[in-house]
Structure formats: structure tokens, C-alpha cells
Amino acid sequence: MMCRSWPVPAKTAVETPLQLLFVTTATDGHPMWHPRNLILVGREARATLVETYAGIGEAASFTNAVTEIVLGDGARGEYY
């Protein structure tokens, strides 16, 4: 399992969307992926998150992702 934390500091405006791109490269068998993401948007900050999944290869795979977004007081977030 892979865990990542992505903090956005208080009173910060992230103008460019943050992109999380997950690419599986299954070639045989049935691999499973379990990414865990924690996005922390500080007080009065703003950010946009784009989360994308893609698969390359012939074999089937399974992705069981969890993304948690925590907004501080007065923060704004968009999620795609």
C-alpha cells in the first residue's frame, strides 16, 4: 500500500491544478494497487485536484484508491 500526503499551506492559492496520475502496467496475473492520498488544504487556501487513472498492458488489474481531502477554515477545493 502506498500512502501520500499533499499539504497546501494556509492562505496559499495554487493556480495550476494538482494532478495525481496513477498508471498501472500489468503484464500478467491480476495485480492489485491500493493508493491512499491525503490532501490537506490549509486555512483560507485554495486548490484544484485532478485525479486520473490509466492502465497499460494486456492483463487485468484492480485499483482500490482512497483520496481524502481536508479543507481548513475558509479554504476552497475543487476535485475532478
PDB file of N, CA and C in Angstrom:
ATOM      1  N   MET A   1       0.850  -1.172   0.000  1.00  0.00           N
ATOM      2  CA  MET A   1       0.000   0.000   0.000  1.00  0.00           C
ATOM      3  C   MET A   1       0.897   1.236   0.000  1.00  0.00           C
ATOM      4  N   MET A   2       0.515   2.209  -0.765  1.00  0.00           N
ATOM      5  CA  MET A   2       1.264   3.446  -0.888  1.00  0.00           C
ATOM      6  C   MET A   2       0.433   4.569  -0.264  1.00  0.00           C
ATOM      7  N   CYS A   3       1.023   5.354   0.647  1.00  0.00           N
ATOM      8  CA  CYS A   3       0.326   6.483   1.266  1.00  0.00           C
ATOM      9  C   CYS A   3       1.090   7.759   0.968  1.00  0.00           C
ATOM     10  N   ARG A   4       0.377   8.791   0.576  1.00  0.00           N
ATOM     11  CA  ARG A   4       0.989  10.086   0.279  1.00  0.00           C
ATOM     12  C   ARG A   4       0.180  11.180   0.944  1.00  0.00           C
ATOM     13  N   SER A   5       0.869  12.213   1.422  1.00  0.00           N
ATOM     14  CA  SER A   5       0.215  13.381   1.986  1.00  0.00           C
ATOM     15  C   SER A   5       0.659  14.594   1.174  1.00  0.00           C
ATOM     16  N   TRP A   6      -0.298  15.418   0.784  1.00  0.00           N
ATOM     17  CA  TRP A   6      -0.025  16.584  -0.045  1.00  0.00           C
ATOM     18  C   TRP A   6      -0.566  17.819   0.662  1.00  0.00           C
ATOM     19  N   PRO A   7       0.283  18.596   1.379  1.00  0.00           N
ATOM     20  CA  PRO A   7      -0.220  19.783   2.075  1.00  0.00           C
ATOM     21  C   PRO A   7      -0.196  21.034   1.191  1.00  0.00           C
ATOM     22  N   VAL A   8      -1.234  21.859   1.332  1.00  0.00           N
ATOM     23  CA  VAL A   8      -1.273  23.189   0.725  1.00  0.00           C
ATOM     24  C   VAL A   8      -1.265  24.168   1.900  1.00  0.00           C
ATOM     25  N   PRO A   9      -0.234  24.989   2.040  1.00  0.00           N
ATOM     26  CA  PRO A   9      -0.122  25.872   3.207  1.00  0.00           C
ATOM     27  C   PRO A   9      -1.276  26.870   3.304  1.00  0.00           C
ATOM     28  N   ALA A  10      -1.531  27.345   4.510  1.00  0.00           N
ATOM     29  CA  ALA A  10      -2.586  28.324   4.762  1.00  0.00           C
ATOM     30  C   ALA A  10      -2.369  29.569   3.899  1.00  0.00           C
ATOM     31  N   LYS A  11      -3.487  30.141   3.455  1.00  0.00           N
ATOM     32  CA  LYS A  11      -3.510  31.382   2.677  1.00  0.00           C
ATOM     33  C   LYS A  11      -2.716  31.299   1.373  1.00  0.00           C
ATOM     34  N   THR A  12      -2.631  30.115   0.817  1.00  0.00           N
ATOM     35  CA  THR A  12      -1.936  29.894  -0.454  1.00  0.00           C
ATOM     36  C   THR A  12      -2.958  29.584  -1.534  1.00  0.00           C
ATOM     37  N   ALA A  13      -2.813  30.218  -2.693  1.00  0.00           N
ATOM     38  CA  ALA A  13      -3.672  29.923  -3.838  1.00  0.00           C
ATOM     39  C   ALA A  13      -2.829  29.166  -4.862  1.00  0.00           C
ATOM     40  N   VAL A  14      -3.136  27.895  -5.064  1.00  0.00           N
ATOM     41  CA  VAL A  14      -2.437  27.085  -6.060  1.00  0.00           C
ATOM     42  C   VAL A  14      -3.172  27.304  -7.378  1.00  0.00           C
ATOM     43  N   GLU A  15      -2.560  28.048  -8.282  1.00  0.00           N
ATOM     44  CA  GLU A  15      -3.221  28.449  -9.536  1.00  0.00           C
ATOM     45  C   GLU A  15      -3.325  27.309 -10.546  1.00  0.00           C
ATOM     46  N   THR A  16      -2.336  26.436 -10.593  1.00  0.00           N
ATOM     47  CA  THR A  16      -2.333  25.312 -11.528  1.00  0.00           C
ATOM     48  C   THR A  16      -2.930  24.086 -10.831  1.00  0.00           C
ATOM     49  N   PRO A  17      -3.852  23.381 -11.480  1.00  0.00           N
ATOM     50  CA  PRO A  17      -4.416  22.191 -10.834  1.00  0.00           C
ATOM     51  C   PRO A  17      -3.332  21.177 -10.471  1.00  0.00           C
ATOM     52  N   LEU A  18      -3.506  20.562  -9.317  1.00  0.00           N
ATOM     53  CA  LEU A  18      -2.626  19.475  -8.897  1.00  0.00           C
ATOM     54  C   LEU A  18      -3.151  18.201  -9.544  1.00  0.00           C
ATOM     55  N   GLN A  19      -2.279  17.453 -10.225  1.00  0.00           N
ATOM     56  CA  GLN A  19      -2.723  16.232 -10.889  1.00  0.00           C
ATOM     57  C   GLN A  19      -2.066  15.034 -10.245  1.00  0.00           C
ATOM     58  N   LEU A  20      -2.902  14.082  -9.857  1.00  0.00           N
ATOM     59  CA  LEU A  20      -2.423  12.784  -9.406  1.00  0.00           C
ATOM     60  C   LEU A  20      -2.696  11.817 -10.553  1.00  0.00           C
ATOM     61  N   LEU A  21      -1.648  11.269 -11.122  1.00  0.00           N
ATOM     62  CA  LEU A  21      -1.767  10.355 -12.256  1.00  0.00           C
ATOM     63  C   LEU A  21      -1.261   8.985 -11.826  1.00  0.00           C
ATOM     64  N   PHE A  22      -2.138   7.992 -11.874  1.00  0.00           N
ATOM     65  CA  PHE A  22      -1.787   6.629 -11.493  1.00  0.00           C
ATOM     66  C   PHE A  22      -1.843   5.768 -12.748  1.00  0.00           C
ATOM     67  N   VAL A  23      -0.723   5.110 -13.069  1.00  0.00           N
ATOM     68  CA  VAL A  23      -0.639   4.272 -14.262  1.00  0.00           C
ATOM     69  C   VAL A  23      -0.269   2.861 -13.824  1.00  0.00           C
ATOM     70  N   THR A  24      -1.113   1.894 -14.161  1.00  0.00           N
ATOM     71  CA  THR A  24      -0.784   0.500 -13.881  1.00  0.00           C
ATOM     72  C   THR A  24      -0.187  -0.111 -15.145  1.00  0.00           C
ATOM     73  N   THR A  25       0.789  -0.980 -14.949  1.00  0.00           N
ATOM     74  CA  THR A  25       1.490  -1.597 -16.075  1.00  0.00           C
ATOM     75  C   THR A  25       1.443  -3.118 -15.938  1.00  0.00           C
ATOM     76  N   ALA A  26       0.241  -3.643 -15.823  1.00  0.00           N
ATOM     77  CA  ALA A  26       0.073  -5.084 -15.653  1.00  0.00           C
ATOM     78  C   ALA A  26       0.436  -5.826 -16.935  1.00  0.00           C
ATOM     79  N   THR A  27       1.263  -6.875 -16.805  1.00  0.00           N
ATOM     80  CA  THR A  27       1.625  -7.690 -17.962  1.00  0.00           C
ATOM     81  C   THR A  27       1.095  -9.111 -17.835  1.00  0.00           C
ATOM     82  N   ASP A  28       0.947  -9.605 -16.605  1.00  0.00           N
ATOM     83  CA  ASP A  28       0.343 -10.919 -16.400  1.00  0.00           C
ATOM     84  C   ASP A  28      -0.160 -11.007 -14.965  1.00  0.00           C
ATOM     85  N   GLY A  29      -0.992 -11.973 -14.693  1.00  0.00           N
ATOM     86  CA  GLY A  29      -1.560 -12.110 -13.356  1.00  0.00           C
ATOM     87  C   GLY A  29      -2.636 -11.063 -13.119  1.00  0.00           C
ATOM     88  N   HIS A  30      -2.987 -10.892 -11.877  1.00  0.00           N
ATOM     89  CA  HIS A  30      -4.020  -9.921 -11.503  1.00  0.00           C
ATOM     90  C   HIS A  30      -3.508  -9.033 -10.375  1.00  0.00           C
ATOM     91  N   PRO A  31      -2.628  -8.085 -10.681  1.00  0.00           N
ATOM     92  CA  PRO A  31      -2.086  -7.237  -9.619  1.00  0.00           C
ATOM     93  C   PRO A  31      -3.150  -6.284  -9.066  1.00  0.00           C
ATOM     94  N   MET A  32      -2.992  -5.968  -7.804  1.00  0.00           N
ATOM     95  CA  MET A  32      -3.893  -5.029  -7.147  1.00  0.00           C
ATOM     96  C   MET A  32      -3.074  -3.860  -6.617  1.00  0.00           C
ATOM     97  N   TRP A  33      -3.635  -2.659  -6.713  1.00  0.00           N
ATOM     98  CA  TRP A  33      -2.990  -1.434  -6.256  1.00  0.00           C
ATOM     99  C   TRP A  33      -3.923  -0.753  -5.266  1.00  0.00           C
ATOM    100  N   HIS A  34      -3.353  -0.237  -4.183  1.00  0.00           N
ATOM    101  CA  HIS A  34      -4.149   0.372  -3.118  1.00  0.00           C
ATOM    102  C   HIS A  34      -3.573   1.738  -2.724  1.00  0.00           C
ATOM    103  N   PRO A  35      -3.582   2.716  -3.621  1.00  0.00           N
ATOM    104  CA  PRO A  35      -3.031   4.020  -3.248  1.00  0.00           C
ATOM    105  C   PRO A  35      -3.940   4.751  -2.261  1.00  0.00           C
ATOM    106  N   ARG A  36      -3.322   5.443  -1.320  1.00  0.00           N
ATOM    107  CA  ARG A  36      -4.033   6.258  -0.330  1.00  0.00           C
ATOM    108  C   ARG A  36      -3.450   7.659  -0.397  1.00  0.00           C
ATOM    109  N   ASN A  37      -4.313   8.655  -0.561  1.00  0.00           N
ATOM    110  CA  ASN A  37      -3.876  10.047  -0.690  1.00  0.00           C
ATOM    111  C   ASN A  37      -4.595  10.905   0.333  1.00  0.00           C
ATOM    112  N   LEU A  38      -3.851  11.800   0.953  1.00  0.00           N
ATOM    113  CA  LEU A  38      -4.422  12.746   1.897  1.00  0.00           C
ATOM    114  C   LEU A  38      -4.040  14.137   1.426  1.00  0.00           C
ATOM    115  N   ILE A  39      -5.044  14.938   1.054  1.00  0.00           N
ATOM    116  CA  ILE A  39      -4.824  16.299   0.587  1.00  0.00           C
ATOM    117  C   ILE A  39      -5.249  17.232   1.716  1.00  0.00           C
ATOM    118  N   LEU A  40      -4.325  18.054   2.205  1.00  0.00           N
ATOM    119  CA  LEU A  40      -4.595  18.989   3.285  1.00  0.00           C
ATOM    120  C   LEU A  40      -4.539  20.397   2.725  1.00  0.00           C
ATOM    121  N   VAL A  41      -5.676  21.082   2.702  1.00  0.00           N
ATOM    122  CA  VAL A  41      -5.741  22.453   2.198  1.00  0.00           C
ATOM    123  C   VAL A  41      -5.909  23.355   3.420  1.00  0.00           C
ATOM    124  N   GLY A  42      -4.881  24.142   3.684  1.00  0.00           N
ATOM    125  CA  GLY A  42      -4.851  24.960   4.897  1.00  0.00           C
ATOM    126  C   GLY A  42      -5.894  26.060   4.924  1.00  0.00           C
ATOM    127  N   ARG A  43      -5.986  26.704   6.062  1.00  0.00           N
ATOM    128  CA  ARG A  43      -6.946  27.792   6.299  1.00  0.00           C
ATOM    129  C   ARG A  43      -6.839  28.862   5.215  1.00  0.00           C
ATOM    130  N   GLU A  44      -7.985  29.207   4.622  1.00  0.00           N
ATOM    131  CA  GLU A  44      -8.103  30.254   3.598  1.00  0.00           C
ATOM    132  C   GLU A  44      -7.256  30.003   2.345  1.00  0.00           C
ATOM    133  N   ALA A  45      -6.885  28.753   2.112  1.00  0.00           N
ATOM    134  CA  ALA A  45      -6.135  28.391   0.902  1.00  0.00           C
ATOM    135  C   ALA A  45      -7.123  27.878  -0.143  1.00  0.00           C
ATOM    136  N   ARG A  46      -6.639  27.734  -1.379  1.00  0.00           N
ATOM    137  CA  ARG A  46      -7.489  27.142  -2.410  1.00  0.00           C
ATOM    138  C   ARG A  46      -6.644  26.323  -3.369  1.00  0.00           C
ATOM    139  N   ALA A  47      -7.245  25.243  -3.840  1.00  0.00           N
ATOM    140  CA  ALA A  47      -6.539  24.346  -4.757  1.00  0.00           C
ATOM    141  C   ALA A  47      -7.549  23.509  -5.521  1.00  0.00           C
ATOM    142  N   THR A  48      -7.133  23.050  -6.702  1.00  0.00           N
ATOM    143  CA  THR A  48      -7.926  22.147  -7.533  1.00  0.00           C
ATOM    144  C   THR A  48      -7.128  20.864  -7.711  1.00  0.00           C
ATOM    145  N   LEU A  49      -7.784  19.738  -7.559  1.00  0.00           N
ATOM    146  CA  LEU A  49      -7.144  18.435  -7.691  1.00  0.00           C
ATOM    147  C   LEU A  49      -7.803  17.669  -8.833  1.00  0.00           C
ATOM    148  N   VAL A  50      -6.979  17.116  -9.726  1.00  0.00           N
ATOM    149  CA  VAL A  50      -7.440  16.249 -10.808  1.00  0.00           C
ATOM    150  C   VAL A  50      -6.802  14.884 -10.584  1.00  0.00           C
ATOM    151  N   GLU A  51      -7.622  13.867 -10.466  1.00  0.00           N
ATOM    152  CA  GLU A  51      -7.128  12.517 -10.201  1.00  0.00           C
ATOM    153  C   GLU A  51      -7.442  11.648 -11.418  1.00  0.00           C
ATOM    154  N   THR A  52      -6.414  11.019 -11.990  1.00  0.00           N
ATOM    155  CA  THR A  52      -6.565  10.270 -13.230  1.00  0.00           C
ATOM    156  C   THR A  52      -5.957   8.871 -13.072  1.00  0.00           C
ATOM    157  N   TYR A  53      -6.631   7.887 -13.651  1.00  0.00           N
ATOM    158  CA  TYR A  53      -6.161   6.501 -13.623  1.00  0.00           C
ATOM    159  C   TYR A  53      -6.077   5.979 -15.050  1.00  0.00           C
ATOM    160  N   ALA A  54      -4.999   5.267 -15.344  1.00  0.00           N
ATOM    161  CA  ALA A  54      -4.807   4.690 -16.676  1.00  0.00           C
ATOM    162  C   ALA A  54      -4.157   3.321 -16.536  1.00  0.00           C
ATOM    163  N   GLY A  55      -4.448   2.448 -17.484  1.00  0.00           N
ATOM    164  CA  GLY A  55      -3.853   1.121 -17.480  1.00  0.00           C
ATOM    165  C   GLY A  55      -3.136   0.852 -18.792  1.00  0.00           C
ATOM    166  N   ILE A  56      -1.956   0.253 -18.685  1.00  0.00           N
ATOM    167  CA  ILE A  56      -1.162  -0.122 -19.854  1.00  0.00           C
ATOM    168  C   ILE A  56      -0.861  -1.610 -19.726  1.00  0.00           C
ATOM    169  N   GLY A  57      -1.071  -2.349 -20.771  1.00  0.00           N
ATOM    170  CA  GLY A  57      -0.780  -3.777 -20.727  1.00  0.00           C
ATOM    171  C   GLY A  57      -2.032  -4.586 -21.004  1.00  0.00           C
ATOM    172  N   GLU A  58      -1.835  -5.869 -21.195  1.00  0.00           N
ATOM    173  CA  GLU A  58      -2.922  -6.762 -21.589  1.00  0.00           C
ATOM    174  C   GLU A  58      -3.644  -7.389 -20.401  1.00  0.00           C
ATOM    175  N   ALA A  59      -2.995  -7.514 -19.269  1.00  0.00           N
ATOM    176  CA  ALA A  59      -3.588  -8.224 -18.139  1.00  0.00           C
ATOM    177  C   ALA A  59      -4.539  -7.318 -17.362  1.00  0.00           C
ATOM    178  N   ALA A  60      -5.497  -7.946 -16.717  1.00  0.00           N
ATOM    179  CA  ALA A  60      -6.430  -7.205 -15.871  1.00  0.00           C
ATOM    180  C   ALA A  60      -5.739  -6.793 -14.577  1.00  0.00           C
ATOM    181  N   SER A  61      -6.177  -5.676 -14.021  1.00  0.00           N
ATOM    182  CA  SER A  61      -5.668  -5.244 -12.724  1.00  0.00           C
ATOM    183  C   SER A  61      -6.801  -4.560 -11.970  1.00  0.00           C
ATOM    184  N   PHE A  62      -6.593  -4.329 -10.683  1.00  0.00           N
ATOM    185  CA  PHE A  62      -7.605  -3.727  -9.834  1.00  0.00           C
ATOM    186  C   PHE A  62      -6.960  -2.611  -9.030  1.00  0.00           C
ATOM    187  N   THR A  63      -7.563  -1.417  -9.069  1.00  0.00           N
ATOM    188  CA  THR A  63      -7.087  -0.285  -8.275  1.00  0.00           C
ATOM    189  C   THR A  63      -8.148   0.064  -7.251  1.00  0.00           C
ATOM    190  N   ASN A  64      -7.752   0.080  -5.992  1.00  0.00           N
ATOM    191  CA  ASN A  64      -8.639   0.366  -4.870  1.00  0.00           C
ATOM    192  C   ASN A  64      -8.129   1.636  -4.187  1.00  0.00           C
ATOM    193  N   ALA A  65      -8.426   2.792  -4.779  1.00  0.00           N
ATOM    194  CA  ALA A  65      -7.869   4.059  -4.305  1.00  0.00           C
ATOM    195  C   ALA A  65      -8.785   4.740  -3.296  1.00  0.00           C
ATOM    196  N   VAL A  66      -8.157   5.445  -2.365  1.00  0.00           N
ATOM    197  CA  VAL A  66      -8.872   6.300  -1.423  1.00  0.00           C
ATOM    198  C   VAL A  66      -8.166   7.645  -1.416  1.00  0.00           C
ATOM    199  N   THR A  67      -8.922   8.705  -1.690  1.00  0.00           N
ATOM    200  CA  THR A  67      -8.384  10.062  -1.616  1.00  0.00           C
ATOM    201  C   THR A  67      -9.242  10.832  -0.626  1.00  0.00           C
ATOM    202  N   GLU A  68      -8.585  11.364   0.384  1.00  0.00           N
ATOM    203  CA  GLU A  68      -9.269  12.156   1.406  1.00  0.00           C
ATOM    204  C   GLU A  68      -8.790  13.590   1.279  1.00  0.00           C
ATOM    205  N   ILE A  69      -9.733  14.530   1.254  1.00  0.00           N
ATOM    206  CA  ILE A  69      -9.400  15.946   1.149  1.00  0.00           C
ATOM    207  C   ILE A  69      -9.930  16.642   2.398  1.00  0.00           C
ATOM    208  N   VAL A  70      -9.032  17.312   3.109  1.00  0.00           N
ATOM    209  CA  VAL A  70      -9.402  18.025   4.326  1.00  0.00           C
ATOM    210  C   VAL A  70      -9.204  19.514   4.073  1.00  0.00           C
ATOM    211  N   LEU A  71     -10.295  20.288   4.212  1.00  0.00           N
ATOM    212  CA  LEU A  71     -10.242  21.731   3.991  1.00  0.00           C
ATOM    213  C   LEU A  71     -10.236  22.451   5.336  1.00  0.00           C
ATOM    214  N   GLY A  72      -9.280  23.377   5.483  1.00  0.00           N
ATOM    215  CA  GLY A  72      -9.239  24.200   6.689  1.00  0.00           C
ATOM    216  C   GLY A  72     -10.338  25.250   6.639  1.00  0.00           C
ATOM    217  N   ASP A  73     -10.467  26.013   7.720  1.00  0.00           N
ATOM    218  CA  ASP A  73     -11.476  27.077   7.794  1.00  0.00           C
ATOM    219  C   ASP A  73     -11.314  28.056   6.635  1.00  0.00           C
ATOM    220  N   GLY A  74     -12.400  28.306   5.913  1.00  0.00           N
ATOM    221  CA  GLY A  74     -12.388  29.267   4.811  1.00  0.00           C
ATOM    222  C   GLY A  74     -11.665  28.798   3.565  1.00  0.00           C
ATOM    223  N   ALA A  75     -11.220  27.541   3.524  1.00  0.00           N
ATOM    224  CA  ALA A  75     -10.494  27.017   2.355  1.00  0.00           C
ATOM    225  C   ALA A  75     -11.501  26.617   1.275  1.00  0.00           C
ATOM    226  N   ARG A  76     -11.011  26.601   0.021  1.00  0.00           N
ATOM    227  CA  ARG A  76     -11.826  26.166  -1.114  1.00  0.00           C
ATOM    228  C   ARG A  76     -11.069  25.105  -1.879  1.00  0.00           C
ATOM    229  N   GLY A  77     -11.773  24.057  -2.254  1.00  0.00           N
ATOM    230  CA  GLY A  77     -11.150  22.996  -3.030  1.00  0.00           C
ATOM    231  C   GLY A  77     -12.088  22.501  -4.110  1.00  0.00           C
ATOM    232  N   GLU A  78     -11.528  22.142  -5.250  1.00  0.00           N
ATOM    233  CA  GLU A  78     -12.286  21.515  -6.321  1.00  0.00           C
ATOM    234  C   GLU A  78     -11.626  20.184  -6.625  1.00  0.00           C
ATOM    235  N   TYR A  79     -12.455  19.203  -6.924  1.00  0.00           N
ATOM    236  CA  TYR A  79     -11.954  17.841  -7.152  1.00  0.00           C
ATOM    237  C   TYR A  79     -12.568  17.285  -8.430  1.00  0.00           C
ATOM    238  N   TYR A  80     -11.709  16.797  -9.312  1.00  0.00           N
ATOM    239  CA  TYR A  80     -12.151  16.194 -10.563  1.00  0.00           C
ATOM    240  C   TYR A  80     -11.503  14.848 -10.707  1.00  0.00           C
TER     241      TYR A  80
END
